[in-house]
């Protein structure tokens, strides 16, 4: 699954916190990949270190099955794509 970042500030502290909380809620383990950089979906600092910008493409790599993956991706899309 891929998402396009629409926030002018990329994945900043608030967005990173929302992503981490969502991953935790769905008991997931995944890696977000942007421009060749990788970060755990469970790490606020790691997500912010991706240094994303508006228009960047985010790919997901699941490390274990996610509870209700379709619903998770729908909610993640709202966070990342606005």
PDB file of N, CA and C in Angstrom:
ATOM      1  N   UNK A   1       0.848  -1.172   0.000  1.00  0.00           N
ATOM      2  CA  UNK A   1       0.000   0.000   0.000  1.00  0.00           C
ATOM      3  C   UNK A   1       0.892   1.232   0.000  1.00  0.00           C
ATOM      4  N   UNK A   2       0.512   2.243  -0.769  1.00  0.00           N
ATOM      5  CA  UNK A   2       1.274   3.487  -0.843  1.00  0.00           C
ATOM      6  C   UNK A   2       0.348   4.674  -0.602  1.00  0.00           C
ATOM      7  N   UNK A   3       0.921   5.689   0.037  1.00  0.00           N
ATOM      8  CA  UNK A   3       0.184   6.910   0.348  1.00  0.00           C
ATOM      9  C   UNK A   3       1.024   8.108  -0.076  1.00  0.00           C
ATOM     10  N   UNK A   4       0.373   9.205  -0.435  1.00  0.00           N
ATOM     11  CA  UNK A   4       1.072  10.446  -0.759  1.00  0.00           C
ATOM     12  C   UNK A   4       0.866  11.427   0.386  1.00  0.00           C
ATOM     13  N   UNK A   5       1.959  11.998   0.871  1.00  0.00           N
ATOM     14  CA  UNK A   5       1.882  12.965   1.970  1.00  0.00           C
ATOM     15  C   UNK A   5       1.327  14.281   1.434  1.00  0.00           C
ATOM     16  N   UNK A   6       0.262  14.770   2.065  1.00  0.00           N
ATOM     17  CA  UNK A   6      -0.362  16.022   1.646  1.00  0.00           C
ATOM     18  C   UNK A   6      -0.124  17.170   2.619  1.00  0.00           C
ATOM     19  N   UNK A   7       0.380  16.882   3.800  1.00  0.00           N
ATOM     20  CA  UNK A   7       0.659  17.929   4.789  1.00  0.00           C
ATOM     21  C   UNK A   7       1.909  18.699   4.358  1.00  0.00           C
ATOM     22  N   UNK A   8       1.829  20.010   4.372  1.00  0.00           N
ATOM     23  CA  UNK A   8       2.953  20.850   3.957  1.00  0.00           C
ATOM     24  C   UNK A   8       4.209  20.606   4.780  1.00  0.00           C
ATOM     25  N   UNK A   9       4.049  20.100   6.009  1.00  0.00           N
ATOM     26  CA  UNK A   9       5.187  19.865   6.894  1.00  0.00           C
ATOM     27  C   UNK A   9       5.601  18.396   6.933  1.00  0.00           C
ATOM     28  N   UNK A  10       5.022  17.571   6.085  1.00  0.00           N
ATOM     29  CA  UNK A  10       5.377  16.153   6.061  1.00  0.00           C
ATOM     30  C   UNK A  10       4.901  15.445   7.322  1.00  0.00           C
ATOM     31  N   UNK A  11       5.648  14.416   7.723  1.00  0.00           N
ATOM     32  CA  UNK A  11       5.312  13.691   8.955  1.00  0.00           C
ATOM     33  C   UNK A  11       6.022  14.401  10.105  1.00  0.00           C
ATOM     34  N   UNK A  12       5.298  15.287  10.768  1.00  0.00           N
ATOM     35  CA  UNK A  12       5.833  16.031  11.913  1.00  0.00           C
ATOM     36  C   UNK A  12       5.340  15.366  13.195  1.00  0.00           C
ATOM     37  N   UNK A  13       5.596  15.976  14.336  1.00  0.00           N
ATOM     38  CA  UNK A  13       5.326  15.343  15.639  1.00  0.00           C
ATOM     39  C   UNK A  13       3.873  14.890  15.808  1.00  0.00           C
ATOM     40  N   UNK A  14       2.929  15.730  15.464  1.00  0.00           N
ATOM     41  CA  UNK A  14       1.514  15.363  15.651  1.00  0.00           C
ATOM     42  C   UNK A  14       1.130  14.184  14.767  1.00  0.00           C
ATOM     43  N   UNK A  15       1.523  14.245  13.507  1.00  0.00           N
ATOM     44  CA  UNK A  15       1.205  13.165  12.568  1.00  0.00           C
ATOM     45  C   UNK A  15       1.900  11.876  12.990  1.00  0.00           C
ATOM     46  N   UNK A  16       3.166  11.974  13.378  1.00  0.00           N
ATOM     47  CA  UNK A  16       3.914  10.788  13.824  1.00  0.00           C
ATOM     48  C   UNK A  16       3.243  10.153  15.039  1.00  0.00           C
ATOM     49  N   UNK A  17       2.786  10.973  15.964  1.00  0.00           N
ATOM     50  CA  UNK A  17       2.101  10.462  17.160  1.00  0.00           C
ATOM     51  C   UNK A  17       0.806   9.753  16.774  1.00  0.00           C
ATOM     52  N   UNK A  18       0.060  10.322  15.845  1.00  0.00           N
ATOM     53  CA  UNK A  18      -1.181   9.689  15.389  1.00  0.00           C
ATOM     54  C   UNK A  18      -0.898   8.338  14.731  1.00  0.00           C
ATOM     55  N   UNK A  19       0.157   8.259  13.943  1.00  0.00           N
ATOM     56  CA  UNK A  19       0.519   6.999  13.282  1.00  0.00           C
ATOM     57  C   UNK A  19       0.886   5.948  14.317  1.00  0.00           C
ATOM     58  N   UNK A  20       1.745   6.311  15.272  1.00  0.00           N
ATOM     59  CA  UNK A  20       2.176   5.368  16.312  1.00  0.00           C
ATOM     60  C   UNK A  20       0.974   4.882  17.121  1.00  0.00           C
ATOM     61  N   UNK A  21       0.078   5.786  17.478  1.00  0.00           N
ATOM     62  CA  UNK A  21      -1.116   5.397  18.243  1.00  0.00           C
ATOM     63  C   UNK A  21      -2.006   4.449  17.443  1.00  0.00           C
ATOM     64  N   UNK A  22      -2.136   4.689  16.152  1.00  0.00           N
ATOM     65  CA  UNK A  22      -2.952   3.825  15.301  1.00  0.00           C
ATOM     66  C   UNK A  22      -2.323   2.435  15.173  1.00  0.00           C
ATOM     67  N   UNK A  23      -1.015   2.381  14.965  1.00  0.00           N
ATOM     68  CA  UNK A  23      -0.313   1.092  14.879  1.00  0.00           C
ATOM     69  C   UNK A  23      -0.502   0.319  16.177  1.00  0.00           C
ATOM     70  N   UNK A  24      -0.383   1.012  17.300  1.00  0.00           N
ATOM     71  CA  UNK A  24      -0.566   0.364  18.604  1.00  0.00           C
ATOM     72  C   UNK A  24      -2.002  -0.140  18.774  1.00  0.00           C
ATOM     73  N   UNK A  25      -2.970   0.657  18.376  1.00  0.00           N
ATOM     74  CA  UNK A  25      -4.380   0.289  18.496  1.00  0.00           C
ATOM     75  C   UNK A  25      -4.698  -0.993  17.719  1.00  0.00           C
ATOM     76  N   UNK A  26      -4.069  -1.144  16.560  1.00  0.00           N
ATOM     77  CA  UNK A  26      -4.315  -2.317  15.719  1.00  0.00           C
ATOM     78  C   UNK A  26      -3.291  -3.428  15.947  1.00  0.00           C
ATOM     79  N   UNK A  27      -2.515  -3.310  17.007  1.00  0.00           N
ATOM     80  CA  UNK A  27      -1.522  -4.326  17.384  1.00  0.00           C
ATOM     81  C   UNK A  27      -0.629  -4.703  16.209  1.00  0.00           C
ATOM     82  N   UNK A  28      -0.186  -3.697  15.505  1.00  0.00           N
ATOM     83  CA  UNK A  28       0.609  -3.951  14.309  1.00  0.00           C
ATOM     84  C   UNK A  28       2.096  -3.786  14.514  1.00  0.00           C
ATOM     85  N   UNK A  29       2.819  -4.261  13.522  1.00  0.00           N
ATOM     86  CA  UNK A  29       4.261  -4.058  13.438  1.00  0.00           C
ATOM     87  C   UNK A  29       4.563  -3.818  11.968  1.00  0.00           C
ATOM     88  N   UNK A  30       4.976  -2.602  11.652  1.00  0.00           N
ATOM     89  CA  UNK A  30       5.255  -2.299  10.268  1.00  0.00           C
ATOM     90  C   UNK A  30       6.357  -1.270  10.141  1.00  0.00           C
ATOM     91  N   UNK A  31       6.896  -1.199   8.944  1.00  0.00           N
ATOM     92  CA  UNK A  31       7.938  -0.247   8.592  1.00  0.00           C
ATOM     93  C   UNK A  31       7.352   0.693   7.546  1.00  0.00           C
ATOM     94  N   UNK A  32       7.600   1.987   7.711  1.00  0.00           N
ATOM     95  CA  UNK A  32       7.235   2.964   6.696  1.00  0.00           C
ATOM     96  C   UNK A  32       8.497   3.298   5.914  1.00  0.00           C
ATOM     97  N   UNK A  33       8.389   3.327   4.603  1.00  0.00           N
ATOM     98  CA  UNK A  33       9.533   3.596   3.737  1.00  0.00           C
ATOM     99  C   UNK A  33       9.231   4.834   2.901  1.00  0.00           C
ATOM    100  N   UNK A  34      10.156   5.802   2.960  1.00  0.00           N
ATOM    101  CA  UNK A  34      10.016   7.037   2.193  1.00  0.00           C
ATOM    102  C   UNK A  34      11.382   7.390   1.618  1.00  0.00           C
ATOM    103  N   UNK A  35      11.463   7.517   0.312  1.00  0.00           N
ATOM    104  CA  UNK A  35      12.720   7.894  -0.352  1.00  0.00           C
ATOM    105  C   UNK A  35      13.893   7.016   0.080  1.00  0.00           C
ATOM    106  N   UNK A  36      13.648   5.735   0.243  1.00  0.00           N
ATOM    107  CA  UNK A  36      14.702   4.794   0.618  1.00  0.00           C
ATOM    108  C   UNK A  36      15.012   4.733   2.098  1.00  0.00           C
ATOM    109  N   UNK A  37      14.446   5.647   2.886  1.00  0.00           N
ATOM    110  CA  UNK A  37      14.642   5.628   4.338  1.00  0.00           C
ATOM    111  C   UNK A  37      13.531   4.810   4.974  1.00  0.00           C
ATOM    112  N   UNK A  38      13.871   4.091   6.043  1.00  0.00           N
ATOM    113  CA  UNK A  38      12.911   3.212   6.715  1.00  0.00           C
ATOM    114  C   UNK A  38      12.771   3.605   8.180  1.00  0.00           C
ATOM    115  N   UNK A  39      11.547   3.482   8.693  1.00  0.00           N
ATOM    116  CA  UNK A  39      11.297   3.768  10.110  1.00  0.00           C
ATOM    117  C   UNK A  39      10.179   2.872  10.616  1.00  0.00           C
ATOM    118  N   UNK A  40      10.299   2.489  11.872  1.00  0.00           N
ATOM    119  CA  UNK A  40       9.263   1.689  12.514  1.00  0.00           C
ATOM    120  C   UNK A  40       7.999   2.526  12.688  1.00  0.00           C
ATOM    121  N   UNK A  41       6.865   1.906  12.443  1.00  0.00           N
ATOM    122  CA  UNK A  41       5.586   2.571  12.674  1.00  0.00           C
ATOM    123  C   UNK A  41       5.278   2.743  14.148  1.00  0.00           C
ATOM    124  N   UNK A  42       6.172   2.254  15.003  1.00  0.00           N
ATOM    125  CA  UNK A  42       6.004   2.366  16.458  1.00  0.00           C
ATOM    126  C   UNK A  42       6.936   3.402  17.069  1.00  0.00           C
ATOM    127  N   UNK A  43       7.647   4.167  16.235  1.00  0.00           N
ATOM    128  CA  UNK A  43       8.639   5.116  16.739  1.00  0.00           C
ATOM    129  C   UNK A  43       8.357   6.534  16.240  1.00  0.00           C
ATOM    130  N   UNK A  44       7.938   7.396  17.152  1.00  0.00           N
ATOM    131  CA  UNK A  44       7.677   8.794  16.789  1.00  0.00           C
ATOM    132  C   UNK A  44       8.947   9.444  16.253  1.00  0.00           C
ATOM    133  N   UNK A  45      10.036   9.270  16.969  1.00  0.00           N
ATOM    134  CA  UNK A  45      11.317   9.864  16.545  1.00  0.00           C
ATOM    135  C   UNK A  45      11.735   9.312  15.184  1.00  0.00           C
ATOM    136  N   UNK A  46      11.622   7.989  15.030  1.00  0.00           N
ATOM    137  CA  UNK A  46      11.994   7.363  13.760  1.00  0.00           C
ATOM    138  C   UNK A  46      11.192   7.919  12.596  1.00  0.00           C
ATOM    139  N   UNK A  47       9.894   8.095  12.793  1.00  0.00           N
ATOM    140  CA  UNK A  47       9.044   8.635  11.732  1.00  0.00           C
ATOM    141  C   UNK A  47       9.431  10.068  11.390  1.00  0.00           C
ATOM    142  N   UNK A  48       9.754  10.854  12.402  1.00  0.00           N
ATOM    143  CA  UNK A  48      10.153  12.238  12.154  1.00  0.00           C
ATOM    144  C   UNK A  48      11.508  12.302  11.450  1.00  0.00           C
ATOM    145  N   UNK A  49      12.371  11.328  11.703  1.00  0.00           N
ATOM    146  CA  UNK A  49      13.693  11.301  11.069  1.00  0.00           C
ATOM    147  C   UNK A  49      13.635  10.917   9.591  1.00  0.00           C
ATOM    148  N   UNK A  50      12.473  10.519   9.117  1.00  0.00           N
ATOM    149  CA  UNK A  50      12.326  10.251   7.687  1.00  0.00           C
ATOM    150  C   UNK A  50      12.447  11.536   6.871  1.00  0.00           C
ATOM    151  N   UNK A  51      12.286  12.685   7.536  1.00  0.00           N
ATOM    152  CA  UNK A  51      12.410  14.001   6.899  1.00  0.00           C
ATOM    153  C   UNK A  51      11.532  14.101   5.650  1.00  0.00           C
ATOM    154  N   UNK A  52      10.261  13.783   5.828  1.00  0.00           N
ATOM    155  CA  UNK A  52       9.331  13.786   4.706  1.00  0.00           C
ATOM    156  C   UNK A  52       8.879  15.188   4.337  1.00  0.00           C
ATOM    157  N   UNK A  53       8.400  15.288   3.108  1.00  0.00           N
ATOM    158  CA  UNK A  53       7.865  16.546   2.595  1.00  0.00           C
ATOM    159  C   UNK A  53       6.554  16.273   1.870  1.00  0.00           C
ATOM    160  N   UNK A  54       5.813  17.322   1.665  1.00  0.00           N
ATOM    161  CA  UNK A  54       4.571  17.192   0.899  1.00  0.00           C
ATOM    162  C   UNK A  54       4.898  16.592  -0.466  1.00  0.00           C
ATOM    163  N   UNK A  55       4.101  15.605  -0.864  1.00  0.00           N
ATOM    164  CA  UNK A  55       4.295  14.961  -2.159  1.00  0.00           C
ATOM    165  C   UNK A  55       5.100  13.671  -2.106  1.00  0.00           C
ATOM    166  N   UNK A  56       5.798  13.431  -0.984  1.00  0.00           N
ATOM    167  CA  UNK A  56       6.549  12.180  -0.838  1.00  0.00           C
ATOM    168  C   UNK A  56       5.587  10.997  -0.801  1.00  0.00           C
ATOM    169  N   UNK A  57       6.056   9.857  -1.291  1.00  0.00           N
ATOM    170  CA  UNK A  57       5.272   8.621  -1.294  1.00  0.00           C
ATOM    171  C   UNK A  57       5.718   7.748  -0.125  1.00  0.00           C
ATOM    172  N   UNK A  58       4.748   7.273   0.657  1.00  0.00           N
ATOM    173  CA  UNK A  58       5.008   6.397   1.806  1.00  0.00           C
ATOM    174  C   UNK A  58       4.556   4.989   1.444  1.00  0.00           C
ATOM    175  N   UNK A  59       5.472   4.024   1.581  1.00  0.00           N
ATOM    176  CA  UNK A  59       5.141   2.609   1.374  1.00  0.00           C
ATOM    177  C   UNK A  59       5.155   1.903   2.717  1.00  0.00           C
ATOM    178  N   UNK A  60       4.364   0.845   2.832  1.00  0.00           N
ATOM    179  CA  UNK A  60       4.285   0.071   4.071  1.00  0.00           C
ATOM    180  C   UNK A  60       4.869  -1.317   3.866  1.00  0.00           C
ATOM    181  N   UNK A  61       5.601  -1.786   4.875  1.00  0.00           N
ATOM    182  CA  UNK A  61       6.089  -3.162   4.914  1.00  0.00           C
ATOM    183  C   UNK A  61       5.606  -3.754   6.231  1.00  0.00           C
ATOM    184  N   UNK A  62       4.690  -4.709   6.150  1.00  0.00           N
ATOM    185  CA  UNK A  62       4.137  -5.324   7.360  1.00  0.00           C
ATOM    186  C   UNK A  62       5.092  -6.388   7.895  1.00  0.00           C
ATOM    187  N   UNK A  63       5.394  -6.318   9.185  1.00  0.00           N
ATOM    188  CA  UNK A  63       6.259  -7.298   9.835  1.00  0.00           C
ATOM    189  C   UNK A  63       5.455  -8.429  10.454  1.00  0.00           C
ATOM    190  N   UNK A  64       4.187  -8.177  10.702  1.00  0.00           N
ATOM    191  CA  UNK A  64       3.267  -9.209  11.183  1.00  0.00           C
ATOM    192  C   UNK A  64       1.863  -8.796  10.770  1.00  0.00           C
ATOM    193  N   UNK A  65       0.943  -9.747  10.720  1.00  0.00           N
ATOM    194  CA  UNK A  65      -0.420  -9.404  10.308  1.00  0.00           C
ATOM    195  C   UNK A  65      -1.039  -8.337  11.221  1.00  0.00           C
ATOM    196  N   UNK A  66      -1.802  -7.476  10.602  1.00  0.00           N
ATOM    197  CA  UNK A  66      -2.462  -6.380  11.305  1.00  0.00           C
ATOM    198  C   UNK A  66      -3.922  -6.758  11.523  1.00  0.00           C
ATOM    199  N   UNK A  67      -4.441  -6.452  12.721  1.00  0.00           N
ATOM    200  CA  UNK A  67      -5.874  -6.653  12.961  1.00  0.00           C
ATOM    201  C   UNK A  67      -6.651  -5.751  12.006  1.00  0.00           C
ATOM    202  N   UNK A  68      -7.535  -6.328  11.220  1.00  0.00           N
ATOM    203  CA  UNK A  68      -8.368  -5.587  10.276  1.00  0.00           C
ATOM    204  C   UNK A  68      -7.535  -4.600   9.450  1.00  0.00           C
ATOM    205  N   UNK A  69      -6.657  -5.140   8.626  1.00  0.00           N
ATOM    206  CA  UNK A  69      -5.718  -4.342   7.841  1.00  0.00           C
ATOM    207  C   UNK A  69      -6.414  -3.324   6.939  1.00  0.00           C
ATOM    208  N   UNK A  70      -7.539  -3.689   6.352  1.00  0.00           N
ATOM    209  CA  UNK A  70      -8.259  -2.766   5.476  1.00  0.00           C
ATOM    210  C   UNK A  70      -8.680  -1.506   6.235  1.00  0.00           C
ATOM    211  N   UNK A  71      -9.262  -1.695   7.405  1.00  0.00           N
ATOM    212  CA  UNK A  71      -9.692  -0.555   8.224  1.00  0.00           C
ATOM    213  C   UNK A  71      -8.487   0.270   8.670  1.00  0.00           C
ATOM    214  N   UNK A  72      -7.404  -0.409   9.055  1.00  0.00           N
ATOM    215  CA  UNK A  72      -6.182   0.278   9.460  1.00  0.00           C
ATOM    216  C   UNK A  72      -5.676   1.177   8.327  1.00  0.00           C
ATOM    217  N   UNK A  73      -5.583   0.630   7.116  1.00  0.00           N
ATOM    218  CA  UNK A  73      -5.064   1.403   5.985  1.00  0.00           C
ATOM    219  C   UNK A  73      -5.972   2.576   5.638  1.00  0.00           C
ATOM    220  N   UNK A  74      -7.262   2.408   5.803  1.00  0.00           N
ATOM    221  CA  UNK A  74      -8.211   3.499   5.556  1.00  0.00           C
ATOM    222  C   UNK A  74      -7.960   4.648   6.539  1.00  0.00           C
ATOM    223  N   UNK A  75      -7.781   4.319   7.815  1.00  0.00           N
ATOM    224  CA  UNK A  75      -7.518   5.344   8.830  1.00  0.00           C
ATOM    225  C   UNK A  75      -6.133   5.962   8.648  1.00  0.00           C
ATOM    226  N   UNK A  76      -5.146   5.139   8.298  1.00  0.00           N
ATOM    227  CA  UNK A  76      -3.794   5.658   8.064  1.00  0.00           C
ATOM    228  C   UNK A  76      -3.795   6.620   6.883  1.00  0.00           C
ATOM    229  N   UNK A  77      -4.563   6.301   5.864  1.00  0.00           N
ATOM    230  CA  UNK A  77      -4.680   7.184   4.706  1.00  0.00           C
ATOM    231  C   UNK A  77      -5.199   8.558   5.115  1.00  0.00           C
ATOM    232  N   UNK A  78      -6.176   8.597   6.002  1.00  0.00           N
ATOM    233  CA  UNK A  78      -6.718   9.881   6.472  1.00  0.00           C
ATOM    234  C   UNK A  78      -5.660  10.689   7.211  1.00  0.00           C
ATOM    235  N   UNK A  79      -4.790  10.000   7.960  1.00  0.00           N
ATOM    236  CA  UNK A  79      -3.731  10.695   8.698  1.00  0.00           C
ATOM    237  C   UNK A  79      -2.676  11.230   7.734  1.00  0.00           C
ATOM    238  N   UNK A  80      -2.223  10.400   6.810  1.00  0.00           N
ATOM    239  CA  UNK A  80      -1.115  10.775   5.928  1.00  0.00           C
ATOM    240  C   UNK A  80      -1.571  11.668   4.775  1.00  0.00           C
ATOM    241  N   UNK A  81      -2.697  11.317   4.172  1.00  0.00           N
ATOM    242  CA  UNK A  81      -3.137  12.057   2.987  1.00  0.00           C
ATOM    243  C   UNK A  81      -4.111  13.185   3.306  1.00  0.00           C
ATOM    244  N   UNK A  82      -4.597  13.212   4.524  1.00  0.00           N
ATOM    245  CA  UNK A  82      -5.493  14.283   4.946  1.00  0.00           C
ATOM    246  C   UNK A  82      -6.918  14.092   4.530  1.00  0.00           C
TER     247      UNK A  82
END
